[in-house]
Amino acid sequence: MVLSAGVIRKRLGDDSRDGDLVIRPFEDACLQPASYDLRVAEEVNLIRGQCTLVPTLEWVELPSDLAATLRGRSSYGRRGLLLGAGYIDPGFRGQLTLCCTNMGGEDILVPQNTRIVQMIFHEISGGDELYSGRYQDSRGIVHARD
């Protein structure tokens, strides 16, 4: 089941270990009817034909019963922006590194704090396994690790 804005707001707390969803900093304007818009942490120029790693402003923590998918916002999709690697496991903590590929006809300048992707939350049944991989507690841009 996809979480609504009302449920997302009710689930917000201080620590995912207490079963809470954490989004810091949280901005009311980013809350959509069934998603939350993530913002870029710094201004970035997305060069035509290239993949660029972009850090989110928000720190996200998912409790054991929630996972999330990321979808590019349609306003950027119409300009040719594609998003790769858009799944967040239960138990993840950290800033997200977005893989943004500009397939449009011109470079795209994205100012700092601009909403760029939607994070859609899904309930997980019987969630007893938590993410503990190499991207846990990520800050800023995190390049692929071997």
Protein backbone atom coordinates (compact mmCIF):
# COMPACT_ATOMS: atom_id res chain seq x y z
CA MET A 1 0.00 0.00 0.00
CA VAL A 2 1.24 3.51 -0.86
CA LEU A 3 1.16 5.98 2.03
CA SER A 4 -0.95 9.13 1.76
CA ALA A 5 0.22 12.57 2.83
CA GLY A 6 -1.77 12.26 6.06
CA VAL A 7 -0.14 8.94 6.96
CA ILE A 8 3.32 10.24 6.00
CA ARG A 9 2.83 13.21 8.34
CA LYS A 10 1.63 10.94 11.19
CA ARG A 11 4.62 8.61 10.74
CA LEU A 12 7.22 11.39 11.03
CA GLY A 13 9.37 11.18 14.14
CA ASP A 14 12.87 11.53 15.49
CA ASP A 15 14.33 8.04 15.12
CA SER A 16 13.61 5.17 12.73
CA ARG A 17 14.67 2.71 15.46
CA ASP A 18 11.52 3.75 17.32
CA GLY A 19 9.42 2.86 14.27
CA ASP A 20 9.29 6.41 12.98
CA LEU A 21 9.86 7.75 9.49
CA VAL A 22 12.52 10.48 9.50
CA ILE A 23 12.89 13.24 6.88
CA ARG A 24 15.23 16.08 7.88
CA PRO A 25 14.81 18.90 7.06
CA PHE A 26 11.08 18.44 6.49
CA GLU A 27 9.28 21.08 4.40
CA ASP A 28 5.47 21.19 4.22
CA ALA A 29 5.59 22.40 0.60
CA CYS A 30 7.36 19.16 -0.39
CA LEU A 31 4.57 16.92 0.93
CA GLN A 32 2.35 15.77 -1.96
CA PRO A 33 -0.94 13.76 -1.80
CA ALA A 34 0.92 10.41 -1.91
CA SER A 35 4.65 11.27 -1.90
CA TYR A 36 7.34 13.60 -0.63
CA ASP A 37 9.53 15.69 -2.97
CA LEU A 38 13.26 15.51 -2.27
CA ARG A 39 15.47 18.53 -2.98
CA VAL A 40 19.02 18.88 -4.24
CA ALA A 41 21.59 19.78 -1.59
CA GLU A 42 23.65 21.98 -3.89
CA GLU A 43 23.33 23.69 -7.26
CA VAL A 44 24.19 21.28 -10.06
CA ASN A 45 24.54 21.58 -13.82
CA LEU A 46 23.33 18.40 -15.51
CA ILE A 47 25.37 18.15 -18.70
CA ARG A 48 23.56 16.88 -21.78
CA GLY A 49 24.32 13.17 -22.39
CA GLN A 50 26.01 12.61 -19.01
CA CYS A 51 25.14 10.88 -15.75
CA THR A 52 25.69 13.12 -12.73
CA LEU A 53 25.55 12.08 -9.06
CA VAL A 54 23.44 14.52 -7.06
CA PRO A 55 23.03 14.51 -3.24
CA THR A 56 19.65 15.15 -1.68
CA LEU A 57 19.26 17.86 0.93
CA GLU A 58 17.19 15.55 3.11
CA TRP A 59 18.43 12.92 5.53
CA VAL A 60 16.00 9.98 5.36
CA GLU A 61 15.46 7.09 7.79
CA LEU A 62 13.03 4.29 6.99
CA PRO A 63 11.67 2.03 9.74
CA SER A 64 11.36 -1.73 9.28
CA ASP A 65 7.83 -1.59 7.84
CA LEU A 66 8.48 0.99 5.09
CA ALA A 67 10.34 1.00 1.77
CA ALA A 68 10.39 3.78 -0.82
CA THR A 69 10.74 4.26 -4.55
CA LEU A 70 12.08 7.37 -6.23
CA ARG A 71 10.54 8.86 -9.37
CA GLY A 72 11.77 11.88 -11.27
CA ARG A 73 9.43 14.85 -11.18
CA SER A 74 7.60 15.25 -14.46
CA SER A 75 8.75 18.84 -14.98
CA TYR A 76 12.33 17.55 -15.27
CA GLY A 77 11.32 14.43 -17.20
CA ARG A 78 9.85 16.68 -19.89
CA ARG A 79 13.31 18.23 -20.26
CA GLY A 80 14.95 14.82 -20.72
CA LEU A 81 16.09 14.00 -17.19
CA LEU A 82 16.16 10.28 -16.32
CA LEU A 83 16.65 8.92 -12.81
CA GLY A 84 18.43 5.63 -12.11
CA ALA A 85 18.62 3.46 -8.97
CA GLY A 86 15.39 4.49 -7.31
CA TYR A 87 14.66 2.05 -4.46
CA ILE A 88 15.22 2.49 -0.72
CA ASP A 89 15.14 -0.56 1.57
CA PRO A 90 13.60 -0.67 5.06
CA GLY A 91 16.16 0.40 7.66
CA PHE A 92 18.10 2.74 5.37
CA ARG A 93 19.52 5.88 7.01
CA GLY A 94 21.28 8.72 5.21
CA GLN A 95 21.24 11.25 2.44
CA LEU A 96 20.46 9.80 -0.96
CA THR A 97 22.72 10.02 -3.99
CA LEU A 98 20.61 10.43 -7.12
CA CYS A 99 21.89 9.14 -10.47
CA CYS A 100 20.61 11.79 -12.90
CA THR A 101 21.13 11.36 -16.65
CA ASN A 102 20.32 14.27 -18.94
CA MET A 103 19.05 12.88 -22.24
CA GLY A 104 17.59 16.22 -23.31
CA GLY A 105 18.82 18.63 -25.92
CA GLU A 106 20.53 21.09 -23.56
CA ASP A 107 22.22 21.29 -20.17
CA ILE A 108 19.89 21.62 -17.17
CA LEU A 109 20.84 23.91 -14.29
CA VAL A 110 19.18 22.80 -11.03
CA PRO A 111 19.42 25.42 -8.26
CA GLN A 112 20.09 24.39 -4.65
CA ASN A 113 16.95 23.34 -2.70
CA THR A 114 15.01 22.58 -5.91
CA ARG A 115 12.53 19.68 -5.72
CA ILE A 116 13.81 17.08 -8.21
CA VAL A 117 12.40 13.63 -7.28
CA GLN A 118 9.34 12.18 -5.58
CA MET A 119 9.78 9.63 -2.80
CA ILE A 120 6.82 7.24 -2.64
CA PHE A 121 6.45 5.16 0.54
CA HIS A 122 5.21 1.56 0.58
CA GLU A 123 4.22 -0.56 3.58
CA ILE A 124 6.14 -3.81 3.99
CA SER A 125 4.41 -6.86 5.48
CA GLY A 126 6.42 -8.74 8.09
CA GLY A 127 9.36 -6.38 7.83
CA ASP A 128 12.00 -7.97 10.03
CA GLU A 129 15.12 -7.46 7.89
CA LEU A 130 16.78 -4.06 7.78
CA TYR A 131 19.22 -2.57 5.29
CA SER A 132 22.78 -2.71 6.59
CA GLY A 133 24.73 -2.25 3.38
CA ARG A 134 27.65 -0.08 2.44
CA TYR A 135 25.54 3.04 1.79
CA GLN A 136 24.16 3.18 5.35
CA ASP A 137 24.61 6.61 6.99
CA SER A 138 25.64 8.21 3.68
CA ARG A 139 26.36 11.94 3.60
CA GLY A 140 26.76 13.99 0.44
CA ILE A 141 27.63 12.35 -2.88
CA VAL A 142 28.56 8.70 -2.48
CA HIS A 143 30.22 7.10 -5.50
CA ALA A 144 29.73 3.44 -6.39
CA ARG A 145 31.60 1.14 -4.07
CA ASP A 146 33.10 -2.21 -4.99
